[in-house]
Amino acid sequence: MFTTRIASGAFLVCKHKILLMKRGLHKKLAPGLWAFIGGHMELEDIKNPQELNLIDTCYREVFEETGIAKQDILNLKFKYMTVRKADNEIRIHHHFIGEVTSEFPLPECDEGELHWIDKKDIFDLPMSLSLKTAATHWLENPDDDEMFIVIINRTGDSAEILEL
């Protein structure tokens, strides 16, 4: 029997920098790895089981972790969905991309450390395969407005990108 973890979050861009989090070593999922700003859906995000409110989850998670409010995020759009099986869990992450007008001051965060990272430096950061695949594809194809799905293979050592 599998459980499903549904998460939503964003890459927030300010000029040539991206807001990322280095996850705390105390975290159960991806300790010490770099991640987008986001987290899993809460019960209040599921207003109707047939309609998961992924963008509201994204806005809520961004605000909880950074203090950046919905009105401060411009052009937020859904770009990637990553799917992988890990242990007895199916993990589905929805990646949005948005812009902010300034590098907001970064608060302390229980989830990890927040950093504004230059786009060119993102390729060297240790990340989960699913996030690294989505981020690399996005940065190498900045003008592609399509949505994509990233599927991680059974052994977790390779990924495939499909256009939705």
C-alpha atoms as a PDB file:
ATOM      1  CA  MET A   1       0.000   0.000   0.000  1.00  0.00           C
ATOM      2  CA  PHE A   2       1.253   3.449  -0.942  1.00  0.00           C
ATOM      3  CA  THR A   3       0.566   6.873   0.471  1.00  0.00           C
ATOM      4  CA  THR A   4       0.689   9.974  -1.683  1.00  0.00           C
ATOM      5  CA  ARG A   5       2.505  13.179  -0.769  1.00  0.00           C
ATOM      6  CA  ILE A   6       1.404  16.193  -2.816  1.00  0.00           C
ATOM      7  CA  ALA A   7       3.565  19.287  -2.613  1.00  0.00           C
ATOM      8  CA  SER A   8       3.584  22.692  -4.245  1.00  0.00           C
ATOM      9  CA  GLY A   9       6.154  25.439  -4.314  1.00  0.00           C
ATOM     10  CA  ALA A  10       8.003  28.002  -6.364  1.00  0.00           C
ATOM     11  CA  PHE A  11      11.230  29.143  -7.819  1.00  0.00           C
ATOM     12  CA  LEU A  12      11.113  32.882  -7.139  1.00  0.00           C
ATOM     13  CA  VAL A  13      13.313  35.002  -9.397  1.00  0.00           C
ATOM     14  CA  CYS A  14      14.683  38.488  -8.869  1.00  0.00           C
ATOM     15  CA  LYS A  15      16.762  39.628 -11.843  1.00  0.00           C
ATOM     16  CA  HIS A  16      19.553  37.008 -12.098  1.00  0.00           C
ATOM     17  CA  LYS A  17      18.965  35.355  -8.709  1.00  0.00           C
ATOM     18  CA  ILE A  18      16.677  32.570  -7.501  1.00  0.00           C
ATOM     19  CA  LEU A  19      15.408  32.155  -3.956  1.00  0.00           C
ATOM     20  CA  LEU A  20      16.258  28.669  -2.689  1.00  0.00           C
ATOM     21  CA  MET A  21      16.396  26.892   0.642  1.00  0.00           C
ATOM     22  CA  LYS A  22      19.153  24.697   1.986  1.00  0.00           C
ATOM     23  CA  ARG A  23      17.050  22.201   3.910  1.00  0.00           C
ATOM     24  CA  GLY A  24      17.933  21.608   7.530  1.00  0.00           C
ATOM     25  CA  LEU A  25      19.793  18.448   8.468  1.00  0.00           C
ATOM     26  CA  HIS A  26      16.927  17.628  10.856  1.00  0.00           C
ATOM     27  CA  LYS A  27      14.402  17.288   7.988  1.00  0.00           C
ATOM     28  CA  LYS A  28      13.080  13.810   7.149  1.00  0.00           C
ATOM     29  CA  LEU A  29      12.920  14.486   3.385  1.00  0.00           C
ATOM     30  CA  ALA A  30      16.061  15.660   1.566  1.00  0.00           C
ATOM     31  CA  PRO A  31      18.085  16.776   4.611  1.00  0.00           C
ATOM     32  CA  GLY A  32      20.880  19.177   3.689  1.00  0.00           C
ATOM     33  CA  LEU A  33      19.822  19.424   0.033  1.00  0.00           C
ATOM     34  CA  TRP A  34      18.852  22.602  -1.790  1.00  0.00           C
ATOM     35  CA  ALA A  35      15.151  22.970  -2.585  1.00  0.00           C
ATOM     36  CA  PHE A  36      12.560  25.332  -3.969  1.00  0.00           C
ATOM     37  CA  ILE A  37      10.345  27.232  -1.546  1.00  0.00           C
ATOM     38  CA  GLY A  38       7.316  25.102  -0.787  1.00  0.00           C
ATOM     39  CA  GLY A  39       5.837  22.153   1.003  1.00  0.00           C
ATOM     40  CA  HIS A  40       3.034  19.644   1.128  1.00  0.00           C
ATOM     41  CA  MET A  41      -0.672  20.306   0.902  1.00  0.00           C
ATOM     42  CA  GLU A  42      -2.567  20.773   4.137  1.00  0.00           C
ATOM     43  CA  LEU A  43      -6.190  19.841   4.757  1.00  0.00           C
ATOM     44  CA  GLU A  44      -7.258  23.483   4.358  1.00  0.00           C
ATOM     45  CA  ASP A  45      -5.822  23.413   0.803  1.00  0.00           C
ATOM     46  CA  ILE A  46      -8.214  20.622  -0.166  1.00  0.00           C
ATOM     47  CA  LYS A  47     -11.525  22.420  -0.450  1.00  0.00           C
ATOM     48  CA  ASN A  48     -12.889  19.945  -2.958  1.00  0.00           C
ATOM     49  CA  PRO A  49     -11.250  16.517  -3.498  1.00  0.00           C
ATOM     50  CA  GLN A  50     -11.788  16.821  -7.261  1.00  0.00           C
ATOM     51  CA  GLU A  51      -9.997  20.190  -7.381  1.00  0.00           C
ATOM     52  CA  LEU A  52      -6.680  20.451  -5.545  1.00  0.00           C
ATOM     53  CA  ASN A  53      -5.790  24.085  -4.990  1.00  0.00           C
ATOM     54  CA  LEU A  54      -2.094  23.911  -5.856  1.00  0.00           C
ATOM     55  CA  ILE A  55      -1.508  27.620  -6.411  1.00  0.00           C
ATOM     56  CA  ASP A  56      -2.960  28.514  -2.993  1.00  0.00           C
ATOM     57  CA  THR A  57      -0.694  25.873  -1.440  1.00  0.00           C
ATOM     58  CA  CYS A  58       2.236  27.488  -3.217  1.00  0.00           C
ATOM     59  CA  TYR A  59       1.356  31.000  -2.001  1.00  0.00           C
ATOM     60  CA  ARG A  60       0.788  29.723   1.567  1.00  0.00           C
ATOM     61  CA  GLU A  61       4.068  27.821   1.683  1.00  0.00           C
ATOM     62  CA  VAL A  62       6.061  30.727   0.232  1.00  0.00           C
ATOM     63  CA  PHE A  63       4.576  33.087   2.816  1.00  0.00           C
ATOM     64  CA  GLU A  64       5.138  30.662   5.715  1.00  0.00           C
ATOM     65  CA  GLU A  65       8.784  30.094   4.808  1.00  0.00           C
ATOM     66  CA  THR A  66       9.814  33.549   3.535  1.00  0.00           C
ATOM     67  CA  GLY A  67       7.234  36.144   4.578  1.00  0.00           C
ATOM     68  CA  ILE A  68       6.781  37.047   0.899  1.00  0.00           C
ATOM     69  CA  ALA A  69       3.066  37.694   0.332  1.00  0.00           C
ATOM     70  CA  LYS A  70       0.933  36.762  -2.673  1.00  0.00           C
ATOM     71  CA  GLN A  71       0.704  40.388  -3.842  1.00  0.00           C
ATOM     72  CA  ASP A  72       4.527  40.573  -3.985  1.00  0.00           C
ATOM     73  CA  ILE A  73       4.795  37.668  -6.452  1.00  0.00           C
ATOM     74  CA  LEU A  74       4.377  38.471 -10.127  1.00  0.00           C
ATOM     75  CA  ASN A  75       3.612  36.197 -13.079  1.00  0.00           C
ATOM     76  CA  LEU A  76       3.354  32.998 -11.016  1.00  0.00           C
ATOM     77  CA  LYS A  77       2.783  30.105 -13.394  1.00  0.00           C
ATOM     78  CA  PHE A  78       2.771  26.343 -13.194  1.00  0.00           C
ATOM     79  CA  LYS A  79       5.790  24.896 -15.016  1.00  0.00           C
ATOM     80  CA  TYR A  80       6.778  21.400 -13.790  1.00  0.00           C
ATOM     81  CA  MET A  81       5.248  18.425 -12.060  1.00  0.00           C
ATOM     82  CA  THR A  82       7.697  15.857 -10.736  1.00  0.00           C
ATOM     83  CA  VAL A  83       6.657  12.315  -9.887  1.00  0.00           C
ATOM     84  CA  ARG A  84       8.658   9.666  -8.086  1.00  0.00           C
ATOM     85  CA  LYS A  85       8.173   6.651  -5.854  1.00  0.00           C
ATOM     86  CA  ALA A  86      10.226   6.672  -2.679  1.00  0.00           C
ATOM     87  CA  ASP A  87       9.814   3.818  -0.214  1.00  0.00           C
ATOM     88  CA  ASN A  88       6.036   3.378   0.215  1.00  0.00           C
ATOM     89  CA  GLU A  89       5.189   6.865  -0.939  1.00  0.00           C
ATOM     90  CA  ILE A  90       4.312   8.442  -4.274  1.00  0.00           C
ATOM     91  CA  ARG A  91       5.653  12.013  -4.278  1.00  0.00           C
ATOM     92  CA  ILE A  92       4.073  14.521  -6.634  1.00  0.00           C
ATOM     93  CA  HIS A  93       5.561  18.007  -6.579  1.00  0.00           C
ATOM     94  CA  HIS A  94       4.150  20.980  -8.484  1.00  0.00           C
ATOM     95  CA  HIS A  95       6.740  23.626  -9.356  1.00  0.00           C
ATOM     96  CA  PHE A  96       5.664  27.178 -10.076  1.00  0.00           C
ATOM     97  CA  ILE A  97       7.903  29.963 -11.334  1.00  0.00           C
ATOM     98  CA  GLY A  98       7.329  33.559 -10.315  1.00  0.00           C
ATOM     99  CA  GLU A  99       9.070  36.886 -10.076  1.00  0.00           C
ATOM    100  CA  VAL A 100       9.629  39.338  -7.260  1.00  0.00           C
ATOM    101  CA  THR A 101      10.747  42.937  -7.668  1.00  0.00           C
ATOM    102  CA  SER A 102      13.444  42.888  -4.996  1.00  0.00           C
ATOM    103  CA  GLU A 103      15.589  40.504  -3.004  1.00  0.00           C
ATOM    104  CA  PHE A 104      13.402  40.504   0.078  1.00  0.00           C
ATOM    105  CA  PRO A 105      15.219  40.253   3.408  1.00  0.00           C
ATOM    106  CA  LEU A 106      15.257  36.589   4.372  1.00  0.00           C
ATOM    107  CA  PRO A 107      13.895  35.570   7.768  1.00  0.00           C
ATOM    108  CA  GLU A 108      14.969  32.663   9.941  1.00  0.00           C
ATOM    109  CA  CYS A 109      13.121  29.534   8.838  1.00  0.00           C
ATOM    110  CA  ASP A 110      12.506  26.268  10.728  1.00  0.00           C
ATOM    111  CA  GLU A 111      12.767  24.334   7.455  1.00  0.00           C
ATOM    112  CA  GLY A 112      16.335  25.413   6.622  1.00  0.00           C
ATOM    113  CA  GLU A 113      18.362  28.407   5.436  1.00  0.00           C
ATOM    114  CA  LEU A 114      17.058  30.762   2.753  1.00  0.00           C
ATOM    115  CA  HIS A 115      19.470  32.161   0.152  1.00  0.00           C
ATOM    116  CA  TRP A 116      19.358  34.256  -3.008  1.00  0.00           C
ATOM    117  CA  ILE A 117      21.488  32.230  -5.449  1.00  0.00           C
ATOM    118  CA  ASP A 118      22.834  33.450  -8.783  1.00  0.00           C
ATOM    119  CA  LYS A 119      21.238  31.439 -11.620  1.00  0.00           C
ATOM    120  CA  LYS A 120      24.629  30.342 -12.943  1.00  0.00           C
ATOM    121  CA  ASP A 121      25.542  28.801  -9.568  1.00  0.00           C
ATOM    122  CA  ILE A 122      22.436  26.625  -9.231  1.00  0.00           C
ATOM    123  CA  PHE A 123      23.903  23.795 -11.328  1.00  0.00           C
ATOM    124  CA  ASP A 124      26.571  23.066  -8.700  1.00  0.00           C
ATOM    125  CA  LEU A 125      24.207  22.774  -5.731  1.00  0.00           C
ATOM    126  CA  PRO A 126      23.289  19.359  -4.312  1.00  0.00           C
ATOM    127  CA  MET A 127      19.556  18.817  -4.993  1.00  0.00           C
ATOM    128  CA  SER A 128      17.167  15.949  -5.380  1.00  0.00           C
ATOM    129  CA  LEU A 129      17.251  14.475  -8.888  1.00  0.00           C
ATOM    130  CA  SER A 130      13.698  15.632  -9.599  1.00  0.00           C
ATOM    131  CA  LEU A 131      14.386  19.230  -8.590  1.00  0.00           C
ATOM    132  CA  LYS A 132      17.770  19.337 -10.339  1.00  0.00           C
ATOM    133  CA  THR A 133      16.178  18.018 -13.547  1.00  0.00           C
ATOM    134  CA  ALA A 134      13.345  20.581 -13.475  1.00  0.00           C
ATOM    135  CA  ALA A 135      15.636  23.497 -12.558  1.00  0.00           C
ATOM    136  CA  THR A 136      18.214  22.603 -15.210  1.00  0.00           C
ATOM    137  CA  HIS A 137      15.575  22.232 -17.922  1.00  0.00           C
ATOM    138  CA  TRP A 138      13.970  25.552 -16.970  1.00  0.00           C
ATOM    139  CA  LEU A 139      17.249  27.488 -16.900  1.00  0.00           C
ATOM    140  CA  GLU A 140      18.419  25.958 -20.190  1.00  0.00           C
ATOM    141  CA  ASN A 141      15.039  26.718 -21.858  1.00  0.00           C
ATOM    142  CA  PRO A 142      14.023  30.102 -20.401  1.00  0.00           C
ATOM    143  CA  ASP A 143      11.681  31.040 -23.259  1.00  0.00           C
ATOM    144  CA  ASP A 144       9.742  27.761 -23.340  1.00  0.00           C
ATOM    145  CA  ASP A 145       6.261  28.452 -21.959  1.00  0.00           C
ATOM    146  CA  GLU A 146       5.045  24.841 -22.018  1.00  0.00           C
ATOM    147  CA  MET A 147       4.404  22.731 -18.926  1.00  0.00           C
ATOM    148  CA  PHE A 148       6.431  19.591 -18.294  1.00  0.00           C
ATOM    149  CA  ILE A 149       6.358  16.469 -16.184  1.00  0.00           C
ATOM    150  CA  VAL A 150       9.556  15.000 -14.737  1.00  0.00           C
ATOM    151  CA  ILE A 151       9.393  11.284 -14.029  1.00  0.00           C
ATOM    152  CA  ILE A 152      12.077   9.608 -11.930  1.00  0.00           C
ATOM    153  CA  ASN A 153      12.833   5.992 -12.779  1.00  0.00           C
ATOM    154  CA  ARG A 154      12.365   3.124 -10.320  1.00  0.00           C
ATOM    155  CA  THR A 155      15.954   3.151  -9.069  1.00  0.00           C
ATOM    156  CA  GLY A 156      15.982   6.938  -8.670  1.00  0.00           C
ATOM    157  CA  ASP A 157      19.103   7.480 -10.738  1.00  0.00           C
ATOM    158  CA  SER A 158      17.673   8.984 -13.921  1.00  0.00           C
ATOM    159  CA  ALA A 159      14.825  11.245 -14.983  1.00  0.00           C
ATOM    160  CA  GLU A 160      12.753  11.778 -18.091  1.00  0.00           C
ATOM    161  CA  ILE A 161      11.051  15.043 -19.070  1.00  0.00           C
ATOM    162  CA  LEU A 162       7.757  14.931 -20.957  1.00  0.00           C
ATOM    163  CA  GLU A 163       5.811  17.880 -22.323  1.00  0.00           C
ATOM    164  CA  LEU A 164       2.248  18.112 -21.000  1.00  0.00           C
END
